[in-house]
Amino acid sequence: MSLLRSALMLVLAGALAAGCAARPPAVTAATGGDTIARSGATALDRAAVRAALAGRRQITIARFLAYRDRQVYPVNPGPGTAHLWIDADGNLCAAATIISGDWGRDATVAAVDGKLGTRLADVHAGRLADWMLTSGLTHAELVAIQVPGFEQPTPVLQPDAHAIETARLYQIYLDVERQLASLADENLELAVDRLLARPALARAFVEDPARLVASLSPAARRFATAPTVVAVAP
């Protein structure tokens, strides 16, 4: 009996060991990504943010190309080239023209508070910065679009100067278009990253892009249509 009992115990021990070895490892909870929201708030879906920004990118680029093809660019009244949000004849720069498609002409001009030399390269906070985050383009792409205006030529001395400068800017804009196309996917992903860094702004944008963008305008009551954006620090 003792030998039989010992044999049975060995068989049982072997079965237990095999069962432990076959047991799958414990499943650990995921800690990354945009889908975890333990606070109860709606989690941000990167794919949804990307899709909304992709739509906005198409609109923004279409406005830029329409501006380029009109070939009516602002003229700097002083010597040399300079950034000019709007010139004496009421011609908006490329960036201002694109923004005016969302905010209207008057609100777009008011957005720079009389600082007609405003450069988007220097804008990192406020309404214009938030608009850039929701444009579908990166900051660098919008800076490339905002080419400085050219100096007002003297017709008597340079009768063809205006046409020459217009042609020069047009060629620059052709290069910008090629850049926008060649790095479209990479830059869209960067735009998504930048917007996701502002969760409340991103959430309001995904819910209704047009409404959110309009709410950023100086003509609207401050964030009246997207109150969740107010408390978000840049």
C-alpha atoms as a PDB file:
ATOM      1  CA  MET A   1       0.000   0.000   0.000  1.00  0.00           C
ATOM      2  CA  SER A   2       2.777   2.361   0.871  1.00  0.00           C
ATOM      3  CA  LEU A   3       4.297   1.934  -2.572  1.00  0.00           C
ATOM      4  CA  LEU A   4       0.935   2.488  -4.285  1.00  0.00           C
ATOM      5  CA  ARG A   5       0.246   5.570  -2.146  1.00  0.00           C
ATOM      6  CA  SER A   6       3.630   7.014  -2.980  1.00  0.00           C
ATOM      7  CA  ALA A   7       3.054   6.445  -6.680  1.00  0.00           C
ATOM      8  CA  LEU A   8      -0.348   8.163  -6.570  1.00  0.00           C
ATOM      9  CA  MET A   9       1.125  11.151  -4.735  1.00  0.00           C
ATOM     10  CA  LEU A  10       3.821  11.482  -7.403  1.00  0.00           C
ATOM     11  CA  VAL A  11       1.199  11.427 -10.183  1.00  0.00           C
ATOM     12  CA  LEU A  12      -0.910  14.061  -8.373  1.00  0.00           C
ATOM     13  CA  ALA A  13       2.081  16.310  -7.819  1.00  0.00           C
ATOM     14  CA  GLY A  14       2.998  16.068 -11.500  1.00  0.00           C
ATOM     15  CA  ALA A  15      -0.540  16.976 -12.551  1.00  0.00           C
ATOM     16  CA  LEU A  16      -0.578  20.022 -10.267  1.00  0.00           C
ATOM     17  CA  ALA A  17       2.761  21.184 -11.620  1.00  0.00           C
ATOM     18  CA  ALA A  18       1.555  20.839 -15.203  1.00  0.00           C
ATOM     19  CA  GLY A  19      -1.602  22.807 -14.390  1.00  0.00           C
ATOM     20  CA  CYS A  20       0.360  25.670 -12.895  1.00  0.00           C
ATOM     21  CA  ALA A  21       2.666  25.817 -15.904  1.00  0.00           C
ATOM     22  CA  ALA A  22      -0.273  25.959 -18.308  1.00  0.00           C
ATOM     23  CA  ARG A  23      -2.072  28.746 -16.422  1.00  0.00           C
ATOM     24  CA  PRO A  24      -1.987  31.973 -18.476  1.00  0.00           C
ATOM     25  CA  PRO A  25      -0.159  34.966 -17.000  1.00  0.00           C
ATOM     26  CA  ALA A  26      -2.152  37.564 -15.119  1.00  0.00           C
ATOM     27  CA  VAL A  27      -3.580  40.279 -17.376  1.00  0.00           C
ATOM     28  CA  THR A  28      -2.326  43.742 -16.501  1.00  0.00           C
ATOM     29  CA  ALA A  29      -4.443  46.838 -17.065  1.00  0.00           C
ATOM     30  CA  ALA A  30      -3.511  49.130 -19.934  1.00  0.00           C
ATOM     31  CA  THR A  31      -1.966  52.396 -18.870  1.00  0.00           C
ATOM     32  CA  GLY A  32      -1.469  54.240 -22.137  1.00  0.00           C
ATOM     33  CA  GLY A  33      -3.505  55.644 -25.020  1.00  0.00           C
ATOM     34  CA  ASP A  34      -6.432  57.998 -25.219  1.00  0.00           C
ATOM     35  CA  THR A  35      -9.218  55.583 -24.297  1.00  0.00           C
ATOM     36  CA  ILE A  36      -8.840  55.470 -20.489  1.00  0.00           C
ATOM     37  CA  ALA A  37     -10.986  57.919 -18.566  1.00  0.00           C
ATOM     38  CA  ARG A  38     -11.241  56.877 -14.912  1.00  0.00           C
ATOM     39  CA  SER A  39     -12.573  60.285 -13.852  1.00  0.00           C
ATOM     40  CA  GLY A  40     -15.858  59.634 -15.630  1.00  0.00           C
ATOM     41  CA  ALA A  41     -15.288  62.234 -18.356  1.00  0.00           C
ATOM     42  CA  THR A  42     -15.625  61.187 -21.975  1.00  0.00           C
ATOM     43  CA  ALA A  43     -12.281  59.904 -23.196  1.00  0.00           C
ATOM     44  CA  LEU A  44     -10.711  61.601 -26.191  1.00  0.00           C
ATOM     45  CA  ASP A  45     -10.561  59.364 -29.253  1.00  0.00           C
ATOM     46  CA  ARG A  46      -7.456  60.174 -31.269  1.00  0.00           C
ATOM     47  CA  ALA A  47      -9.069  58.877 -34.453  1.00  0.00           C
ATOM     48  CA  ALA A  48     -12.017  61.249 -34.001  1.00  0.00           C
ATOM     49  CA  VAL A  49      -9.712  64.211 -33.379  1.00  0.00           C
ATOM     50  CA  ARG A  50      -7.662  63.274 -36.423  1.00  0.00           C
ATOM     51  CA  ALA A  51     -10.742  62.981 -38.636  1.00  0.00           C
ATOM     52  CA  ALA A  52     -12.050  66.378 -37.534  1.00  0.00           C
ATOM     53  CA  LEU A  53      -8.666  68.024 -38.092  1.00  0.00           C
ATOM     54  CA  ALA A  54      -8.308  66.344 -41.494  1.00  0.00           C
ATOM     55  CA  GLY A  55     -11.569  67.964 -42.565  1.00  0.00           C
ATOM     56  CA  ARG A  56     -10.420  71.327 -41.310  1.00  0.00           C
ATOM     57  CA  ARG A  57      -7.069  70.892 -43.067  1.00  0.00           C
ATOM     58  CA  GLN A  58      -8.826  70.480 -46.402  1.00  0.00           C
ATOM     59  CA  ILE A  59     -10.828  73.668 -45.821  1.00  0.00           C
ATOM     60  CA  THR A  60      -7.764  75.644 -44.724  1.00  0.00           C
ATOM     61  CA  ILE A  61      -5.675  74.562 -47.700  1.00  0.00           C
ATOM     62  CA  ALA A  62      -8.518  75.237 -50.139  1.00  0.00           C
ATOM     63  CA  ARG A  63      -8.783  78.804 -48.829  1.00  0.00           C
ATOM     64  CA  PHE A  64      -5.031  79.263 -49.127  1.00  0.00           C
ATOM     65  CA  LEU A  65      -5.007  78.075 -52.732  1.00  0.00           C
ATOM     66  CA  ALA A  66      -7.920  80.352 -53.618  1.00  0.00           C
ATOM     67  CA  TYR A  67      -6.028  83.296 -52.080  1.00  0.00           C
ATOM     68  CA  ARG A  68      -2.877  82.379 -53.983  1.00  0.00           C
ATOM     69  CA  ASP A  69      -4.665  82.077 -57.307  1.00  0.00           C
ATOM     70  CA  ARG A  70      -6.393  85.465 -56.945  1.00  0.00           C
ATOM     71  CA  GLN A  71      -2.918  87.052 -56.898  1.00  0.00           C
ATOM     72  CA  VAL A  72      -4.092  90.054 -54.866  1.00  0.00           C
ATOM     73  CA  TYR A  73      -1.551  90.382 -52.072  1.00  0.00           C
ATOM     74  CA  PRO A  74      -1.024  93.147 -49.465  1.00  0.00           C
ATOM     75  CA  VAL A  75       1.512  95.847 -50.269  1.00  0.00           C
ATOM     76  CA  ASN A  76       3.826  97.200 -47.595  1.00  0.00           C
ATOM     77  CA  PRO A  77       3.787 101.044 -47.549  1.00  0.00           C
ATOM     78  CA  GLY A  78       7.287 101.239 -46.108  1.00  0.00           C
ATOM     79  CA  PRO A  79      10.652 100.241 -47.529  1.00  0.00           C
ATOM     80  CA  GLY A  80      11.420  96.561 -48.030  1.00  0.00           C
ATOM     81  CA  THR A  81       9.221  93.559 -47.285  1.00  0.00           C
ATOM     82  CA  ALA A  82       7.201  93.208 -44.090  1.00  0.00           C
ATOM     83  CA  HIS A  83       4.359  91.223 -42.601  1.00  0.00           C
ATOM     84  CA  LEU A  84       1.115  93.124 -43.059  1.00  0.00           C
ATOM     85  CA  TRP A  85      -2.187  91.728 -41.756  1.00  0.00           C
ATOM     86  CA  ILE A  86      -4.133  94.116 -43.995  1.00  0.00           C
ATOM     87  CA  ASP A  87      -2.877  96.885 -46.270  1.00  0.00           C
ATOM     88  CA  ALA A  88      -4.236 100.368 -47.048  1.00  0.00           C
ATOM     89  CA  ASP A  89      -6.358  98.985 -49.872  1.00  0.00           C
ATOM     90  CA  GLY A  90      -7.978  96.419 -47.583  1.00  0.00           C
ATOM     91  CA  ASN A  91      -6.074  93.406 -48.896  1.00  0.00           C
ATOM     92  CA  LEU A  92      -5.599  90.749 -46.229  1.00  0.00           C
ATOM     93  CA  CYS A  93      -2.492  88.607 -45.983  1.00  0.00           C
ATOM     94  CA  ALA A  94      -2.793  84.870 -46.669  1.00  0.00           C
ATOM     95  CA  ALA A  95      -3.213  83.891 -43.009  1.00  0.00           C
ATOM     96  CA  ALA A  96      -5.789  86.600 -42.330  1.00  0.00           C
ATOM     97  CA  THR A  97      -7.706  85.609 -45.451  1.00  0.00           C
ATOM     98  CA  ILE A  98      -7.923  81.988 -44.294  1.00  0.00           C
ATOM     99  CA  ILE A  99      -9.052  83.018 -40.808  1.00  0.00           C
ATOM    100  CA  SER A 100     -11.649  85.400 -42.224  1.00  0.00           C
ATOM    101  CA  GLY A 101     -13.375  82.385 -43.740  1.00  0.00           C
ATOM    102  CA  ASP A 102     -14.279  81.379 -40.174  1.00  0.00           C
ATOM    103  CA  TRP A 103     -14.598  84.702 -38.374  1.00  0.00           C
ATOM    104  CA  GLY A 104     -15.474  87.194 -41.087  1.00  0.00           C
ATOM    105  CA  ARG A 105     -13.346  90.074 -42.268  1.00  0.00           C
ATOM    106  CA  ASP A 106     -14.032  92.601 -39.486  1.00  0.00           C
ATOM    107  CA  ALA A 107     -13.442  90.141 -36.635  1.00  0.00           C
ATOM    108  CA  THR A 108     -10.242  88.914 -38.264  1.00  0.00           C
ATOM    109  CA  VAL A 109      -8.879  92.456 -38.483  1.00  0.00           C
ATOM    110  CA  ALA A 110      -9.954  93.115 -34.879  1.00  0.00           C
ATOM    111  CA  ALA A 111      -8.152  89.968 -33.704  1.00  0.00           C
ATOM    112  CA  VAL A 112      -4.730  91.649 -33.960  1.00  0.00           C
ATOM    113  CA  ASP A 113      -5.770  94.728 -31.931  1.00  0.00           C
ATOM    114  CA  GLY A 114      -4.311  97.197 -34.438  1.00  0.00           C
ATOM    115  CA  LYS A 115      -0.973  95.368 -34.633  1.00  0.00           C
ATOM    116  CA  LEU A 116      -0.932  95.067 -38.398  1.00  0.00           C
ATOM    117  CA  GLY A 117       2.578  93.609 -38.381  1.00  0.00           C
ATOM    118  CA  THR A 118       1.382  90.554 -36.431  1.00  0.00           C
ATOM    119  CA  ARG A 119       3.361  87.428 -37.295  1.00  0.00           C
ATOM    120  CA  LEU A 120       1.857  84.035 -36.558  1.00  0.00           C
ATOM    121  CA  ALA A 121       5.378  82.886 -35.730  1.00  0.00           C
ATOM    122  CA  ASP A 122       5.136  85.021 -32.584  1.00  0.00           C
ATOM    123  CA  VAL A 123       1.616  83.897 -31.580  1.00  0.00           C
ATOM    124  CA  HIS A 124       1.567  81.194 -28.901  1.00  0.00           C
ATOM    125  CA  ALA A 125      -1.520  81.976 -26.808  1.00  0.00           C
ATOM    126  CA  GLY A 126      -4.979  83.485 -27.144  1.00  0.00           C
ATOM    127  CA  ARG A 127      -7.654  83.323 -29.809  1.00  0.00           C
ATOM    128  CA  LEU A 128      -5.323  83.184 -32.787  1.00  0.00           C
ATOM    129  CA  ALA A 129      -3.265  80.422 -31.178  1.00  0.00           C
ATOM    130  CA  ASP A 130      -6.412  78.394 -30.493  1.00  0.00           C
ATOM    131  CA  TRP A 131      -7.565  78.949 -34.066  1.00  0.00           C
ATOM    132  CA  MET A 132      -4.232  77.608 -35.306  1.00  0.00           C
ATOM    133  CA  LEU A 133      -4.671  74.487 -33.180  1.00  0.00           C
ATOM    134  CA  THR A 134      -8.024  73.841 -34.863  1.00  0.00           C
ATOM    135  CA  SER A 135      -6.948  74.709 -38.422  1.00  0.00           C
ATOM    136  CA  GLY A 136      -5.655  71.247 -39.274  1.00  0.00           C
ATOM    137  CA  LEU A 137      -2.240  72.721 -40.071  1.00  0.00           C
ATOM    138  CA  THR A 138       0.787  72.935 -37.832  1.00  0.00           C
ATOM    139  CA  HIS A 139       2.140  76.212 -36.531  1.00  0.00           C
ATOM    140  CA  ALA A 140       5.113  75.899 -38.891  1.00  0.00           C
ATOM    141  CA  GLU A 141       2.872  75.359 -41.925  1.00  0.00           C
ATOM    142  CA  LEU A 142       0.803  78.454 -41.132  1.00  0.00           C
ATOM    143  CA  VAL A 143       3.976  80.482 -40.647  1.00  0.00           C
ATOM    144  CA  ALA A 144       5.147  79.336 -44.100  1.00  0.00           C
ATOM    145  CA  ILE A 145       1.843  80.473 -45.605  1.00  0.00           C
ATOM    146  CA  GLN A 146       2.142  83.960 -44.082  1.00  0.00           C
ATOM    147  CA  VAL A 147       4.716  85.345 -46.508  1.00  0.00           C
ATOM    148  CA  PRO A 148       5.752  89.001 -45.943  1.00  0.00           C
ATOM    149  CA  GLY A 149       4.158  91.553 -48.258  1.00  0.00           C
ATOM    150  CA  PHE A 150       6.282  93.471 -50.746  1.00  0.00           C
ATOM    151  CA  GLU A 151       7.206  97.146 -50.888  1.00  0.00           C
ATOM    152  CA  GLN A 152       4.945  99.567 -52.752  1.00  0.00           C
ATOM    153  CA  PRO A 153       6.752 100.224 -56.059  1.00  0.00           C
ATOM    154  CA  THR A 154       7.042 103.629 -57.687  1.00  0.00           C
ATOM    155  CA  PRO A 155       5.123 103.359 -60.986  1.00  0.00           C
ATOM    156  CA  VAL A 156       7.291 105.889 -62.814  1.00  0.00           C
ATOM    157  CA  LEU A 157      10.557 104.261 -61.862  1.00  0.00           C
ATOM    158  CA  GLN A 158       9.363 100.640 -61.799  1.00  0.00           C
ATOM    159  CA  PRO A 159       6.299 100.262 -64.003  1.00  0.00           C
ATOM    160  CA  ASP A 160       6.414  96.450 -63.896  1.00  0.00           C
ATOM    161  CA  ALA A 161       7.515  96.076 -60.286  1.00  0.00           C
ATOM    162  CA  HIS A 162       4.075  95.205 -58.900  1.00  0.00           C
ATOM    163  CA  ALA A 163       3.568  92.439 -61.438  1.00  0.00           C
ATOM    164  CA  ILE A 164       7.082  91.124 -60.812  1.00  0.00           C
ATOM    165  CA  GLU A 165       6.567  91.000 -57.050  1.00  0.00           C
ATOM    166  CA  THR A 166       3.171  89.385 -57.433  1.00  0.00           C
ATOM    167  CA  ALA A 167       4.709  86.685 -59.626  1.00  0.00           C
ATOM    168  CA  ARG A 168       7.500  86.179 -57.088  1.00  0.00           C
ATOM    169  CA  LEU A 169       5.032  85.657 -54.238  1.00  0.00           C
ATOM    170  CA  TYR A 170       2.956  83.331 -56.383  1.00  0.00           C
ATOM    171  CA  GLN A 171       6.001  81.123 -56.932  1.00  0.00           C
ATOM    172  CA  ILE A 172       6.656  81.063 -53.198  1.00  0.00           C
ATOM    173  CA  TYR A 173       3.068  79.966 -52.616  1.00  0.00           C
ATOM    174  CA  LEU A 174       3.519  77.177 -55.187  1.00  0.00           C
ATOM    175  CA  ASP A 175       6.467  75.925 -53.116  1.00  0.00           C
ATOM    176  CA  VAL A 176       4.382  76.134 -49.941  1.00  0.00           C
ATOM    177  CA  GLU A 177       1.654  74.051 -51.586  1.00  0.00           C
ATOM    178  CA  ARG A 178       4.207  71.364 -52.461  1.00  0.00           C
ATOM    179  CA  GLN A 179       5.428  71.336 -48.866  1.00  0.00           C
ATOM    180  CA  LEU A 180       1.876  71.016 -47.538  1.00  0.00           C
ATOM    181  CA  ALA A 181       1.259  68.040 -49.818  1.00  0.00           C
ATOM    182  CA  SER A 182       4.563  66.231 -49.320  1.00  0.00           C
ATOM    183  CA  LEU A 183       4.367  66.199 -45.507  1.00  0.00           C
ATOM    184  CA  ALA A 184       0.594  66.037 -45.159  1.00  0.00           C
ATOM    185  CA  ASP A 185       0.351  62.861 -43.067  1.00  0.00           C
ATOM    186  CA  GLU A 186       3.235  63.683 -40.753  1.00  0.00           C
ATOM    187  CA  ASN A 187       2.032  67.219 -40.142  1.00  0.00           C
ATOM    188  CA  LEU A 188      -1.549  66.121 -39.561  1.00  0.00           C
ATOM    189  CA  GLU A 189      -0.308  63.783 -36.836  1.00  0.00           C
ATOM    190  CA  LEU A 190       1.634  66.670 -35.293  1.00  0.00           C
ATOM    191  CA  ALA A 191      -1.504  68.812 -35.402  1.00  0.00           C
ATOM    192  CA  VAL A 192      -3.402  66.047 -33.597  1.00  0.00           C
ATOM    193  CA  ASP A 193      -0.698  65.870 -30.915  1.00  0.00           C
ATOM    194  CA  ARG A 194      -0.849  69.630 -30.348  1.00  0.00           C
ATOM    195  CA  LEU A 195      -4.629  69.691 -30.047  1.00  0.00           C
ATOM    196  CA  LEU A 196      -4.752  66.647 -27.746  1.00  0.00           C
ATOM    197  CA  ALA A 197      -2.473  68.585 -25.395  1.00  0.00           C
ATOM    198  CA  ARG A 198      -5.516  70.838 -24.837  1.00  0.00           C
ATOM    199  CA  PRO A 199      -8.175  68.231 -23.894  1.00  0.00           C
ATOM    200  CA  ALA A 200     -11.132  70.559 -23.306  1.00  0.00           C
ATOM    201  CA  LEU A 201     -10.498  72.456 -26.521  1.00  0.00           C
ATOM    202  CA  ALA A 202     -10.074  69.170 -28.395  1.00  0.00           C
ATOM    203  CA  ARG A 203     -13.291  67.727 -26.969  1.00  0.00           C
ATOM    204  CA  ALA A 204     -15.351  70.799 -27.878  1.00  0.00           C
ATOM    205  CA  PHE A 205     -13.768  70.806 -31.327  1.00  0.00           C
ATOM    206  CA  VAL A 206     -14.660  67.167 -32.013  1.00  0.00           C
ATOM    207  CA  GLU A 207     -18.251  67.705 -30.855  1.00  0.00           C
ATOM    208  CA  ASP A 208     -18.807  70.563 -33.324  1.00  0.00           C
ATOM    209  CA  PRO A 209     -15.751  71.939 -35.192  1.00  0.00           C
ATOM    210  CA  ALA A 210     -17.526  74.840 -36.906  1.00  0.00           C
ATOM    211  CA  ARG A 211     -19.238  75.982 -33.711  1.00  0.00           C
ATOM    212  CA  LEU A 212     -16.032  75.857 -31.693  1.00  0.00           C
ATOM    213  CA  VAL A 213     -13.983  77.723 -34.298  1.00  0.00           C
ATOM    214  CA  ALA A 214     -16.657  80.425 -34.585  1.00  0.00           C
ATOM    215  CA  SER A 215     -16.687  80.804 -30.802  1.00  0.00           C
ATOM    216  CA  LEU A 216     -13.008  81.805 -30.858  1.00  0.00           C
ATOM    217  CA  SER A 217     -13.788  84.932 -32.910  1.00  0.00           C
ATOM    218  CA  PRO A 218     -13.540  88.358 -31.257  1.00  0.00           C
ATOM    219  CA  ALA A 219     -17.063  88.953 -32.569  1.00  0.00           C
ATOM    220  CA  ALA A 220     -18.437  86.157 -30.355  1.00  0.00           C
ATOM    221  CA  ARG A 221     -18.943  86.386 -26.642  1.00  0.00           C
ATOM    222  CA  ARG A 222     -15.864  84.852 -25.098  1.00  0.00           C
ATOM    223  CA  PHE A 223     -16.202  81.113 -25.597  1.00  0.00           C
ATOM    224  CA  ALA A 224     -19.966  81.475 -25.303  1.00  0.00           C
ATOM    225  CA  THR A 225     -20.626  78.405 -27.423  1.00  0.00           C
ATOM    226  CA  ALA A 226     -17.919  76.257 -25.860  1.00  0.00           C
ATOM    227  CA  PRO A 227     -17.715  77.101 -22.136  1.00  0.00           C
ATOM    228  CA  THR A 228     -15.512  74.120 -21.327  1.00  0.00           C
ATOM    229  CA  VAL A 229     -12.609  75.781 -23.115  1.00  0.00           C
ATOM    230  CA  VAL A 230     -12.426  78.753 -20.752  1.00  0.00           C
ATOM    231  CA  ALA A 231     -10.730  76.991 -17.874  1.00  0.00           C
ATOM    232  CA  VAL A 232      -8.058  75.327 -19.969  1.00  0.00           C
ATOM    233  CA  ALA A 233      -4.608  76.836 -19.624  1.00  0.00           C
ATOM    234  CA  PRO A 234      -2.604  77.169 -22.833  1.00  0.00           C
END
